[in-house]
Protein backbone atom coordinates (compact mmCIF):
# COMPACT_ATOMS: atom_id res chain seq x y z
CA MET A 1 0.08 0.08 -0.12
CA VAL A 2 1.27 3.53 -1.02
CA TYR A 3 0.90 6.19 1.62
CA LYS A 4 1.38 9.84 0.35
CA THR A 5 1.75 12.96 2.58
CA ILE A 6 0.41 16.13 1.42
CA THR A 7 1.05 19.36 3.28
CA THR A 8 -1.51 22.32 2.95
CA GLU A 9 -1.66 25.57 4.80
CA VAL A 10 -5.02 26.85 6.20
CA ASP A 11 -6.01 30.20 7.32
CA VAL A 12 -8.27 29.56 10.35
CA ASP A 13 -9.33 32.35 13.08
CA LEU A 14 -9.39 30.46 16.25
CA ASP A 15 -11.31 32.99 17.80
CA ASP A 16 -14.36 31.61 15.47
CA PHE A 17 -14.46 28.71 18.04
CA ASP A 18 -15.23 28.41 21.79
CA ASP A 19 -13.06 26.83 24.22
CA ASP A 20 -14.79 23.65 24.50
CA GLU A 21 -14.89 22.91 20.82
CA LEU A 22 -11.17 23.68 20.83
CA LEU A 23 -10.87 21.26 23.66
CA ASP A 24 -12.60 18.77 22.18
CA GLU A 25 -10.81 18.90 19.18
CA ILE A 26 -7.57 18.55 21.00
CA GLU A 27 -9.02 15.45 23.09
CA ARG A 28 -10.31 13.77 19.66
CA ARG A 29 -6.73 14.13 18.58
CA ASN A 30 -5.60 12.08 21.83
CA LEU A 31 -3.35 15.24 22.57
CA SER A 32 -2.56 16.59 26.17
CA VAL A 33 -4.99 18.81 27.40
CA THR A 34 -4.32 21.22 30.27
CA CYS A 35 -6.51 20.34 33.28
CA ARG A 36 -10.03 21.46 32.95
CA ASP A 37 -10.68 21.61 36.74
CA PRO A 38 -7.36 22.44 38.82
CA ASN A 39 -9.38 22.12 41.91
CA GLU A 40 -10.38 18.67 41.58
CA ALA A 41 -7.09 17.60 40.42
CA ILE A 42 -5.62 19.15 43.50
CA ARG A 43 -8.29 17.27 45.72
CA LEU A 44 -7.47 13.95 43.78
CA LEU A 45 -3.60 14.50 44.62
CA GLU A 46 -4.59 14.85 48.32
CA ASP A 47 -6.67 11.84 47.99
CA ILE A 48 -3.74 9.85 46.57
CA TYR A 49 -1.35 11.21 49.05
CA TYR A 50 -3.35 10.38 52.13
CA LYS A 51 -4.26 6.93 50.93
CA ARG A 52 -0.60 6.34 50.06
CA ILE A 53 0.73 6.99 53.38
CA MET A 54 -2.11 5.07 55.13
CA ASN A 55 -1.07 1.92 52.15
CA LYS A 56 -4.42 1.92 51.20
CA ASP A 57 -5.30 1.44 47.34
CA PHE A 58 -5.37 4.59 45.48
CA GLY A 59 -5.49 3.17 41.95
CA ALA A 60 -9.08 4.82 41.09
CA GLU A 61 -8.13 8.32 42.27
CA LEU A 62 -4.66 7.88 40.08
CA ASP A 63 -6.68 6.75 37.07
CA ARG A 64 -9.02 9.55 37.10
CA TYR A 65 -6.22 12.11 37.77
CA PHE A 66 -4.64 10.50 34.57
CA TYR A 67 -7.97 11.42 32.61
CA LEU A 68 -8.51 14.73 34.20
CA THR A 69 -4.88 16.04 33.39
CA LEU A 70 -3.75 13.92 30.49
CA GLY A 71 -6.89 13.27 28.81
CA ARG A 72 -6.25 9.52 28.69
CA SER A 73 -7.49 6.61 30.61
CA VAL A 74 -5.49 3.52 31.61
């Protein structure tokens, strides 16, 4: 099978799109996304920390943190 790469330039004004549309497009492309809710991320890190020092399972919180900050699930 032959693959061909084509490059083109497109003039797009990002102001034509709202923030949610841009974030959805970034996520659709499986790219990293800045955390949408920093307060939730901090809460998750605190939960992970306390469960870690108490030697309890924190896998669910860690998975949620990955999804929240990276846009990817494990």
